Amino acid sequence: MIDVLYFAWVRERIGLPKERVETEAATVADLVEELVAREARYAAAFADISALRVALDQELAEFDAPLAGVREVAFFPPMTGG
């Protein structure tokens, strides 16, 4: 089981701030594929992953990063400075 967290407009599109996901995904991209296959709201949230960032156990990562040993995956839009 992995905790999946959603922030900003990702959370708005999916309608959840967080969920526990049972997954066989090897990478973040595989996890996204599993989520998108669930329902249209996930497909909408992940329609353009180039507009998203991902963190594994609170460390920035890439979508091809392995999930082995990861407890938490967070999806969020890029941060803007100001």
PDB file of N, CA and C in Angstrom:
ATOM      1  N   MET A   1       0.841  -1.193   0.000  1.00  0.00           N
ATOM      2  CA  MET A   1       0.000   0.000   0.000  1.00  0.00           C
ATOM      3  C   MET A   1       0.880   1.247   0.000  1.00  0.00           C
ATOM      4  N   ILE A   2       0.448   2.217  -0.781  1.00  0.00           N
ATOM      5  CA  ILE A   2       1.148   3.499  -0.872  1.00  0.00           C
ATOM      6  C   ILE A   2       0.139   4.609  -0.600  1.00  0.00           C
ATOM      7  N   ASP A   3       0.563   5.610   0.181  1.00  0.00           N
ATOM      8  CA  ASP A   3      -0.258   6.803   0.366  1.00  0.00           C
ATOM      9  C   ASP A   3      -0.017   7.705  -0.838  1.00  0.00           C
ATOM     10  N   VAL A   4      -1.105   8.117  -1.483  1.00  0.00           N
ATOM     11  CA  VAL A   4      -1.001   9.022  -2.628  1.00  0.00           C
ATOM     12  C   VAL A   4      -1.674  10.330  -2.231  1.00  0.00           C
ATOM     13  N   LEU A   5      -0.918  11.416  -2.346  1.00  0.00           N
ATOM     14  CA  LEU A   5      -1.406  12.741  -1.970  1.00  0.00           C
ATOM     15  C   LEU A   5      -1.558  13.590  -3.225  1.00  0.00           C
ATOM     16  N   TYR A   6      -2.626  14.396  -3.222  1.00  0.00           N
ATOM     17  CA  TYR A   6      -2.914  15.273  -4.356  1.00  0.00           C
ATOM     18  C   TYR A   6      -3.002  16.708  -3.850  1.00  0.00           C
ATOM     19  N   PHE A   7      -2.369  17.633  -4.567  1.00  0.00           N
ATOM     20  CA  PHE A   7      -2.361  19.036  -4.142  1.00  0.00           C
ATOM     21  C   PHE A   7      -2.879  19.948  -5.244  1.00  0.00           C
ATOM     22  N   ALA A   8      -3.412  21.098  -4.821  1.00  0.00           N
ATOM     23  CA  ALA A   8      -3.869  22.170  -5.717  1.00  0.00           C
ATOM     24  C   ALA A   8      -4.919  21.650  -6.699  1.00  0.00           C
ATOM     25  N   TRP A   9      -4.785  21.971  -7.989  1.00  0.00           N
ATOM     26  CA  TRP A   9      -5.822  21.587  -8.960  1.00  0.00           C
ATOM     27  C   TRP A   9      -5.886  20.081  -9.180  1.00  0.00           C
ATOM     28  N   VAL A  10      -4.829  19.352  -8.858  1.00  0.00           N
ATOM     29  CA  VAL A  10      -4.887  17.887  -8.965  1.00  0.00           C
ATOM     30  C   VAL A  10      -5.930  17.372  -7.971  1.00  0.00           C
ATOM     31  N   ARG A  11      -5.868  17.874  -6.743  1.00  0.00           N
ATOM     32  CA  ARG A  11      -6.837  17.500  -5.713  1.00  0.00           C
ATOM     33  C   ARG A  11      -8.249  17.909  -6.131  1.00  0.00           C
ATOM     34  N   GLU A  12      -8.392  19.098  -6.706  1.00  0.00           N
ATOM     35  CA  GLU A  12      -9.716  19.560  -7.125  1.00  0.00           C
ATOM     36  C   GLU A  12     -10.321  18.648  -8.188  1.00  0.00           C
ATOM     37  N   ARG A  13      -9.517  18.222  -9.147  1.00  0.00           N
ATOM     38  CA  ARG A  13     -10.035  17.365 -10.218  1.00  0.00           C
ATOM     39  C   ARG A  13     -10.383  15.969  -9.720  1.00  0.00           C
ATOM     40  N   ILE A  14      -9.574  15.431  -8.818  1.00  0.00           N
ATOM     41  CA  ILE A  14      -9.822  14.072  -8.325  1.00  0.00           C
ATOM     42  C   ILE A  14     -10.859  14.078  -7.205  1.00  0.00           C
ATOM     43  N   GLY A  15     -10.888  15.156  -6.440  1.00  0.00           N
ATOM     44  CA  GLY A  15     -11.881  15.266  -5.372  1.00  0.00           C
ATOM     45  C   GLY A  15     -11.424  14.668  -4.055  1.00  0.00           C
ATOM     46  N   LEU A  16     -10.149  14.334  -3.947  1.00  0.00           N
ATOM     47  CA  LEU A  16      -9.598  13.771  -2.713  1.00  0.00           C
ATOM     48  C   LEU A  16      -8.254  14.425  -2.417  1.00  0.00           C
ATOM     49  N   PRO A  17      -7.951  14.665  -1.139  1.00  0.00           N
ATOM     50  CA  PRO A  17      -6.616  15.163  -0.815  1.00  0.00           C
ATOM     51  C   PRO A  17      -5.595  14.034  -0.719  1.00  0.00           C
ATOM     52  N   LYS A  18      -6.090  12.809  -0.408  1.00  0.00           N
ATOM     53  CA  LYS A  18      -5.185  11.696  -0.123  1.00  0.00           C
ATOM     54  C   LYS A  18      -5.957  10.383  -0.202  1.00  0.00           C
ATOM     55  N   GLU A  19      -5.270   9.324  -0.609  1.00  0.00           N
ATOM     56  CA  GLU A  19      -5.868   7.995  -0.555  1.00  0.00           C
ATOM     57  C   GLU A  19      -4.771   6.955  -0.436  1.00  0.00           C
ATOM     58  N   ARG A  20      -5.151   5.782   0.066  1.00  0.00           N
ATOM     59  CA  ARG A  20      -4.228   4.651   0.117  1.00  0.00           C
ATOM     60  C   ARG A  20      -4.501   3.806  -1.113  1.00  0.00           C
ATOM     61  N   VAL A  21      -3.435   3.469  -1.827  1.00  0.00           N
ATOM     62  CA  VAL A  21      -3.578   2.743  -3.085  1.00  0.00           C
ATOM     63  C   VAL A  21      -2.789   1.443  -3.000  1.00  0.00           C
ATOM     64  N   GLU A  22      -3.463   0.357  -3.329  1.00  0.00           N
ATOM     65  CA  GLU A  22      -2.763  -0.920  -3.467  1.00  0.00           C
ATOM     66  C   GLU A  22      -2.346  -1.015  -4.926  1.00  0.00           C
ATOM     67  N   THR A  23      -1.055  -1.181  -5.163  1.00  0.00           N
ATOM     68  CA  THR A  23      -0.553  -1.115  -6.526  1.00  0.00           C
ATOM     69  C   THR A  23       0.543  -2.134  -6.776  1.00  0.00           C
ATOM     70  N   GLU A  24       0.630  -2.552  -8.004  1.00  0.00           N
ATOM     71  CA  GLU A  24       1.734  -3.397  -8.460  1.00  0.00           C
ATOM     72  C   GLU A  24       2.685  -2.572  -9.319  1.00  0.00           C
ATOM     73  N   ALA A  25       2.476  -1.264  -9.390  1.00  0.00           N
ATOM     74  CA  ALA A  25       3.258  -0.378 -10.259  1.00  0.00           C
ATOM     75  C   ALA A  25       4.736  -0.410  -9.880  1.00  0.00           C
ATOM     76  N   ALA A  26       5.583  -0.454 -10.901  1.00  0.00           N
ATOM     77  CA  ALA A  26       7.026  -0.452 -10.684  1.00  0.00           C
ATOM     78  C   ALA A  26       7.585   0.964 -10.640  1.00  0.00           C
ATOM     79  N   THR A  27       6.934   1.884 -11.362  1.00  0.00           N
ATOM     80  CA  THR A  27       7.403   3.271 -11.426  1.00  0.00           C
ATOM     81  C   THR A  27       6.237   4.223 -11.193  1.00  0.00           C
ATOM     82  N   VAL A  28       6.563   5.493 -11.033  1.00  0.00           N
ATOM     83  CA  VAL A  28       5.523   6.518 -10.890  1.00  0.00           C
ATOM     84  C   VAL A  28       4.626   6.520 -12.131  1.00  0.00           C
ATOM     85  N   ALA A  29       5.216   6.428 -13.314  1.00  0.00           N
ATOM     86  CA  ALA A  29       4.426   6.430 -14.556  1.00  0.00           C
ATOM     87  C   ALA A  29       3.447   5.254 -14.584  1.00  0.00           C
ATOM     88  N   ASP A  30       3.878   4.092 -14.094  1.00  0.00           N
ATOM     89  CA  ASP A  30       2.985   2.931 -14.030  1.00  0.00           C
ATOM     90  C   ASP A  30       1.818   3.200 -13.078  1.00  0.00           C
ATOM     91  N   LEU A  31       2.108   3.847 -11.959  1.00  0.00           N
ATOM     92  CA  LEU A  31       1.058   4.196 -11.002  1.00  0.00           C
ATOM     93  C   LEU A  31       0.057   5.149 -11.645  1.00  0.00           C
ATOM     94  N   VAL A  32       0.559   6.142 -12.377  1.00  0.00           N
ATOM     95  CA  VAL A  32      -0.334   7.079 -13.064  1.00  0.00           C
ATOM     96  C   VAL A  32      -1.231   6.326 -14.034  1.00  0.00           C
ATOM     97  N   GLU A  33      -0.678   5.377 -14.784  1.00  0.00           N
ATOM     98  CA  GLU A  33      -1.489   4.575 -15.712  1.00  0.00           C
ATOM     99  C   GLU A  33      -2.599   3.836 -14.979  1.00  0.00           C
ATOM    100  N   GLU A  34      -2.275   3.244 -13.833  1.00  0.00           N
ATOM    101  CA  GLU A  34      -3.286   2.539 -13.032  1.00  0.00           C
ATOM    102  C   GLU A  34      -4.380   3.500 -12.573  1.00  0.00           C
ATOM    103  N   LEU A  35      -4.000   4.674 -12.107  1.00  0.00           N
ATOM    104  CA  LEU A  35      -4.982   5.645 -11.630  1.00  0.00           C
ATOM    105  C   LEU A  35      -5.868   6.136 -12.767  1.00  0.00           C
ATOM    106  N   VAL A  36      -5.272   6.447 -13.905  1.00  0.00           N
ATOM    107  CA  VAL A  36      -6.027   6.947 -15.055  1.00  0.00           C
ATOM    108  C   VAL A  36      -7.057   5.911 -15.512  1.00  0.00           C
ATOM    109  N   ALA A  37      -6.710   4.631 -15.405  1.00  0.00           N
ATOM    110  CA  ALA A  37      -7.624   3.570 -15.828  1.00  0.00           C
ATOM    111  C   ALA A  37      -8.828   3.435 -14.893  1.00  0.00           C
ATOM    112  N   ARG A  38      -8.755   4.006 -13.699  1.00  0.00           N
ATOM    113  CA  ARG A  38      -9.839   3.890 -12.721  1.00  0.00           C
ATOM    114  C   ARG A  38     -11.110   4.629 -13.153  1.00  0.00           C
ATOM    115  N   GLU A  39     -10.967   5.937 -13.359  1.00  0.00           N
ATOM    116  CA  GLU A  39     -12.128   6.802 -13.590  1.00  0.00           C
ATOM    117  C   GLU A  39     -11.716   8.026 -14.392  1.00  0.00           C
ATOM    118  N   ALA A  40     -12.701   8.678 -14.973  1.00  0.00           N
ATOM    119  CA  ALA A  40     -12.458   9.868 -15.790  1.00  0.00           C
ATOM    120  C   ALA A  40     -11.816  10.996 -14.995  1.00  0.00           C
ATOM    121  N   ARG A  41     -12.152  11.123 -13.718  1.00  0.00           N
ATOM    122  CA  ARG A  41     -11.578  12.224 -12.931  1.00  0.00           C
ATOM    123  C   ARG A  41     -10.066  12.088 -12.795  1.00  0.00           C
ATOM    124  N   TYR A  42      -9.558  10.862 -12.722  1.00  0.00           N
ATOM    125  CA  TYR A  42      -8.108  10.662 -12.684  1.00  0.00           C
ATOM    126  C   TYR A  42      -7.505  10.973 -14.054  1.00  0.00           C
ATOM    127  N   ALA A  43      -8.195  10.543 -15.102  1.00  0.00           N
ATOM    128  CA  ALA A  43      -7.727  10.843 -16.464  1.00  0.00           C
ATOM    129  C   ALA A  43      -7.623  12.349 -16.667  1.00  0.00           C
ATOM    130  N   ALA A  44      -8.588  13.103 -16.134  1.00  0.00           N
ATOM    131  CA  ALA A  44      -8.559  14.557 -16.256  1.00  0.00           C
ATOM    132  C   ALA A  44      -7.379  15.146 -15.480  1.00  0.00           C
ATOM    133  N   ALA A  45      -7.144  14.633 -14.294  1.00  0.00           N
ATOM    134  CA  ALA A  45      -6.067  15.166 -13.460  1.00  0.00           C
ATOM    135  C   ALA A  45      -4.685  14.882 -14.047  1.00  0.00           C
ATOM    136  N   PHE A  46      -4.549  13.729 -14.711  1.00  0.00           N
ATOM    137  CA  PHE A  46      -3.246  13.326 -15.232  1.00  0.00           C
ATOM    138  C   PHE A  46      -3.153  13.444 -16.753  1.00  0.00           C
ATOM    139  N   ALA A  47      -4.040  14.235 -17.352  1.00  0.00           N
ATOM    140  CA  ALA A  47      -4.073  14.367 -18.812  1.00  0.00           C
ATOM    141  C   ALA A  47      -2.756  14.901 -19.366  1.00  0.00           C
ATOM    142  N   ASP A  48      -2.107  15.779 -18.623  1.00  0.00           N
ATOM    143  CA  ASP A  48      -0.847  16.363 -19.088  1.00  0.00           C
ATOM    144  C   ASP A  48       0.174  16.278 -17.956  1.00  0.00           C
ATOM    145  N   ILE A  49       0.892  15.166 -17.881  1.00  0.00           N
ATOM    146  CA  ILE A  49       1.823  15.016 -16.759  1.00  0.00           C
ATOM    147  C   ILE A  49       3.009  15.967 -16.851  1.00  0.00           C
ATOM    148  N   SER A  50       3.209  16.581 -18.011  1.00  0.00           N
ATOM    149  CA  SER A  50       4.283  17.580 -18.092  1.00  0.00           C
ATOM    150  C   SER A  50       3.946  18.802 -17.239  1.00  0.00           C
ATOM    151  N   ALA A  51       2.675  18.952 -16.867  1.00  0.00           N
ATOM    152  CA  ALA A  51       2.235  20.056 -16.012  1.00  0.00           C
ATOM    153  C   ALA A  51       2.255  19.660 -14.535  1.00  0.00           C
ATOM    154  N   LEU A  52       2.838  18.499 -14.227  1.00  0.00           N
ATOM    155  CA  LEU A  52       2.855  17.997 -12.855  1.00  0.00           C
ATOM    156  C   LEU A  52       4.271  17.736 -12.373  1.00  0.00           C
ATOM    157  N   ARG A  53       4.403  17.769 -11.064  1.00  0.00           N
ATOM    158  CA  ARG A  53       5.625  17.342 -10.404  1.00  0.00           C
ATOM    159  C   ARG A  53       5.239  16.202  -9.461  1.00  0.00           C
ATOM    160  N   VAL A  54       6.236  15.405  -9.100  1.00  0.00           N
ATOM    161  CA  VAL A  54       5.974  14.285  -8.195  1.00  0.00           C
ATOM    162  C   VAL A  54       7.070  14.239  -7.143  1.00  0.00           C
ATOM    163  N   ALA A  55       6.671  13.870  -5.929  1.00  0.00           N
ATOM    164  CA  ALA A  55       7.630  13.660  -4.848  1.00  0.00           C
ATOM    165  C   ALA A  55       7.403  12.271  -4.264  1.00  0.00           C
ATOM    166  N   LEU A  56       8.488  11.569  -4.020  1.00  0.00           N
ATOM    167  CA  LEU A  56       8.440  10.252  -3.389  1.00  0.00           C
ATOM    168  C   LEU A  56       9.029  10.391  -1.993  1.00  0.00           C
ATOM    169  N   ASP A  57       8.217  10.069  -0.976  1.00  0.00           N
ATOM    170  CA  ASP A  57       8.634  10.252   0.417  1.00  0.00           C
ATOM    171  C   ASP A  57       9.241  11.643   0.631  1.00  0.00           C
ATOM    172  N   GLN A  58       8.564  12.651   0.076  1.00  0.00           N
ATOM    173  CA  GLN A  58       8.878  14.074   0.225  1.00  0.00           C
ATOM    174  C   GLN A  58      10.184  14.499  -0.448  1.00  0.00           C
ATOM    175  N   GLU A  59      10.636  13.705  -1.436  1.00  0.00           N
ATOM    176  CA  GLU A  59      11.812  14.070  -2.235  1.00  0.00           C
ATOM    177  C   GLU A  59      11.359  14.185  -3.687  1.00  0.00           C
ATOM    178  N   LEU A  60      11.693  15.300  -4.342  1.00  0.00           N
ATOM    179  CA  LEU A  60      11.323  15.450  -5.749  1.00  0.00           C
ATOM    180  C   LEU A  60      11.872  14.301  -6.572  1.00  0.00           C
ATOM    181  N   ALA A  61      11.069  13.815  -7.513  1.00  0.00           N
ATOM    182  CA  ALA A  61      11.463  12.674  -8.334  1.00  0.00           C
ATOM    183  C   ALA A  61      10.934  12.862  -9.748  1.00  0.00           C
ATOM    184  N   GLU A  62      11.321  11.955 -10.623  1.00  0.00           N
ATOM    185  CA  GLU A  62      10.837  11.936 -11.999  1.00  0.00           C
ATOM    186  C   GLU A  62       9.772  10.859 -12.135  1.00  0.00           C
ATOM    187  N   PHE A  63       9.017  10.911 -13.225  1.00  0.00           N
ATOM    188  CA  PHE A  63       7.943   9.943 -13.430  1.00  0.00           C
ATOM    189  C   PHE A  63       8.462   8.537 -13.750  1.00  0.00           C
ATOM    190  N   ASP A  64       9.747   8.421 -14.104  1.00  0.00           N
ATOM    191  CA  ASP A  64      10.312   7.087 -14.346  1.00  0.00           C
ATOM    192  C   ASP A  64      10.988   6.518 -13.092  1.00  0.00           C
ATOM    193  N   ALA A  65      10.839   7.203 -11.956  1.00  0.00           N
ATOM    194  CA  ALA A  65      11.459   6.752 -10.707  1.00  0.00           C
ATOM    195  C   ALA A  65      10.780   5.476 -10.208  1.00  0.00           C
ATOM    196  N   PRO A  66      11.565   4.537  -9.670  1.00  0.00           N
ATOM    197  CA  PRO A  66      10.983   3.298  -9.140  1.00  0.00           C
ATOM    198  C   PRO A  66      10.223   3.550  -7.842  1.00  0.00           C
ATOM    199  N   LEU A  67       9.202   2.720  -7.605  1.00  0.00           N
ATOM    200  CA  LEU A  67       8.382   2.848  -6.395  1.00  0.00           C
ATOM    201  C   LEU A  67       8.780   1.870  -5.295  1.00  0.00           C
ATOM    202  N   ALA A  68       9.743   1.012  -5.541  1.00  0.00           N
ATOM    203  CA  ALA A  68      10.152   0.014  -4.542  1.00  0.00           C
ATOM    204  C   ALA A  68      10.530   0.707  -3.233  1.00  0.00           C
ATOM    205  N   GLY A  69       9.876   0.317  -2.149  1.00  0.00           N
ATOM    206  CA  GLY A  69      10.175   0.865  -0.835  1.00  0.00           C
ATOM    207  C   GLY A  69       9.558   2.218  -0.537  1.00  0.00           C
ATOM    208  N   VAL A  70       8.859   2.800  -1.502  1.00  0.00           N
ATOM    209  CA  VAL A  70       8.258   4.123  -1.309  1.00  0.00           C
ATOM    210  C   VAL A  70       6.963   3.994  -0.501  1.00  0.00           C
ATOM    211  N   ARG A  71       6.790   4.887   0.461  1.00  0.00           N
ATOM    212  CA  ARG A  71       5.575   4.880   1.287  1.00  0.00           C
ATOM    213  C   ARG A  71       4.577   5.950   0.872  1.00  0.00           C
ATOM    214  N   GLU A  72       5.080   7.053   0.273  1.00  0.00           N
ATOM    215  CA  GLU A  72       4.207   8.176  -0.056  1.00  0.00           C
ATOM    216  C   GLU A  72       4.575   8.766  -1.406  1.00  0.00           C
ATOM    217  N   VAL A  73       3.543   8.983  -2.237  1.00  0.00           N
ATOM    218  CA  VAL A  73       3.703   9.638  -3.532  1.00  0.00           C
ATOM    219  C   VAL A  73       2.812  10.876  -3.514  1.00  0.00           C
ATOM    220  N   ALA A  74       3.378  12.019  -3.868  1.00  0.00           N
ATOM    221  CA  ALA A  74       2.606  13.267  -3.899  1.00  0.00           C
ATOM    222  C   ALA A  74       2.667  13.862  -5.299  1.00  0.00           C
ATOM    223  N   PHE A  75       1.499  14.258  -5.811  1.00  0.00           N
ATOM    224  CA  PHE A  75       1.402  14.907  -7.120  1.00  0.00           C
ATOM    225  C   PHE A  75       0.973  16.353  -6.912  1.00  0.00           C
ATOM    226  N   PHE A  76       1.653  17.284  -7.609  1.00  0.00           N
ATOM    227  CA  PHE A  76       1.335  18.698  -7.450  1.00  0.00           C
ATOM    228  C   PHE A  76       1.817  19.458  -8.671  1.00  0.00           C
ATOM    229  N   PRO A  77       1.223  20.633  -8.917  1.00  0.00           N
ATOM    230  CA  PRO A  77       1.698  21.475 -10.028  1.00  0.00           C
ATOM    231  C   PRO A  77       3.032  22.104  -9.644  1.00  0.00           C
ATOM    232  N   PRO A  78       3.799  22.571 -10.617  1.00  0.00           N
ATOM    233  CA  PRO A  78       5.066  23.231 -10.309  1.00  0.00           C
ATOM    234  C   PRO A  78       4.844  24.437  -9.400  1.00  0.00           C
ATOM    235  N   MET A  79       5.763  24.647  -8.484  1.00  0.00           N
ATOM    236  CA  MET A  79       5.689  25.802  -7.589  1.00  0.00           C
ATOM    237  C   MET A  79       6.166  27.043  -8.343  1.00  0.00           C
ATOM    238  N   THR A  80       5.508  28.134  -8.064  1.00  0.00           N
ATOM    239  CA  THR A  80       5.949  29.389  -8.669  1.00  0.00           C
ATOM    240  C   THR A  80       6.490  30.290  -7.576  1.00  0.00           C
ATOM    241  N   GLY A  81       7.557  30.984  -7.873  1.00  0.00           N
ATOM    242  CA  GLY A  81       8.141  31.887  -6.888  1.00  0.00           C
ATOM    243  C   GLY A  81       7.449  33.241  -6.886  1.00  0.00           C
ATOM    244  N   GLY A  82       7.708  34.010  -5.881  1.00  0.00           N
ATOM    245  CA  GLY A  82       7.069  35.307  -5.861  1.00  0.00           C
ATOM    246  C   GLY A  82       7.563  36.188  -4.775  1.00  0.00           C
TER     247      GLY A  82
END
